Amino acid sequence: MAEPDDLPKTIVRRVVKDKLSRCSEDGDISIHKDALLAFSESAKIFIHYISARLRTAK
């Protein structure tokens, strides 16, 4: 079950595949589900970090 602050997996997959396919010559990329989980977790941590920095900057 997804936690309330988890990012939608379909959006993470779409963004990652789009960016990685631009780096690939053939453009067809398959991404392992553990890699998608790592991208999702790192994006979530980054968003929390930016939010915390913005709150303390005010």
Protein backbone atom coordinates (compact mmCIF):
# COMPACT_ATOMS: atom_id res chain seq x y z
CA MET A 1 0.00 0.00 0.00
CA ALA A 2 1.32 3.44 -0.91
CA GLU A 3 2.08 5.99 1.75
CA PRO A 4 0.42 9.41 1.46
CA ASP A 5 3.66 11.17 0.52
CA ASP A 6 4.76 8.63 -2.12
CA LEU A 7 5.03 9.90 -5.67
CA PRO A 8 2.78 8.26 -8.29
CA LYS A 9 4.74 5.40 -9.86
CA THR A 10 3.36 6.00 -13.36
CA ILE A 11 4.58 9.59 -13.37
CA VAL A 12 8.01 8.62 -12.04
CA ARG A 13 8.27 5.89 -14.69
CA ARG A 14 7.23 8.30 -17.46
CA VAL A 15 9.74 10.98 -16.44
CA VAL A 16 12.62 8.54 -15.97
CA LYS A 17 11.95 6.72 -19.25
CA ASP A 18 11.67 10.02 -21.13
CA LYS A 19 14.96 11.36 -19.78
CA LEU A 20 16.87 8.09 -20.19
CA SER A 21 15.55 7.48 -23.71
CA ARG A 22 17.06 10.81 -24.74
CA CYS A 23 20.47 9.45 -23.67
CA SER A 24 20.03 6.16 -25.52
CA GLU A 25 20.73 5.75 -29.22
CA ASP A 26 17.85 3.35 -29.86
CA GLY A 27 15.44 5.18 -27.54
CA ASP A 28 13.87 1.99 -26.14
CA ILE A 29 14.54 1.77 -22.40
CA SER A 30 13.36 -0.77 -19.87
CA ILE A 31 13.77 0.08 -16.21
CA HIS A 32 13.95 -2.42 -13.38
CA LYS A 33 11.36 -1.89 -10.66
CA ASP A 34 14.09 -1.49 -8.00
CA ALA A 35 15.60 1.33 -10.07
CA LEU A 36 12.20 3.02 -10.28
CA LEU A 37 11.82 2.69 -6.53
CA ALA A 38 15.25 4.28 -6.04
CA PHE A 39 14.35 7.17 -8.37
CA SER A 40 11.05 7.66 -6.55
CA GLU A 41 12.64 7.63 -3.10
CA SER A 42 15.41 10.02 -4.11
CA ALA A 43 12.90 12.42 -5.67
CA LYS A 44 10.77 12.28 -2.53
CA ILE A 45 13.78 13.06 -0.34
CA PHE A 46 14.79 15.92 -2.65
CA ILE A 47 11.27 17.40 -2.50
CA HIS A 48 11.26 17.19 1.30
CA TYR A 49 14.70 18.82 1.42
CA ILE A 50 13.63 21.71 -0.84
CA SER A 51 10.42 22.19 1.18
CA ALA A 52 12.36 22.30 4.45
CA ARG A 53 14.88 24.78 3.04
CA LEU A 54 12.10 27.05 1.81
CA ARG A 55 10.39 26.98 5.21
CA THR A 56 13.61 27.92 7.05
CA ALA A 57 14.54 30.61 4.50
CA LYS A 58 11.47 32.72 5.28
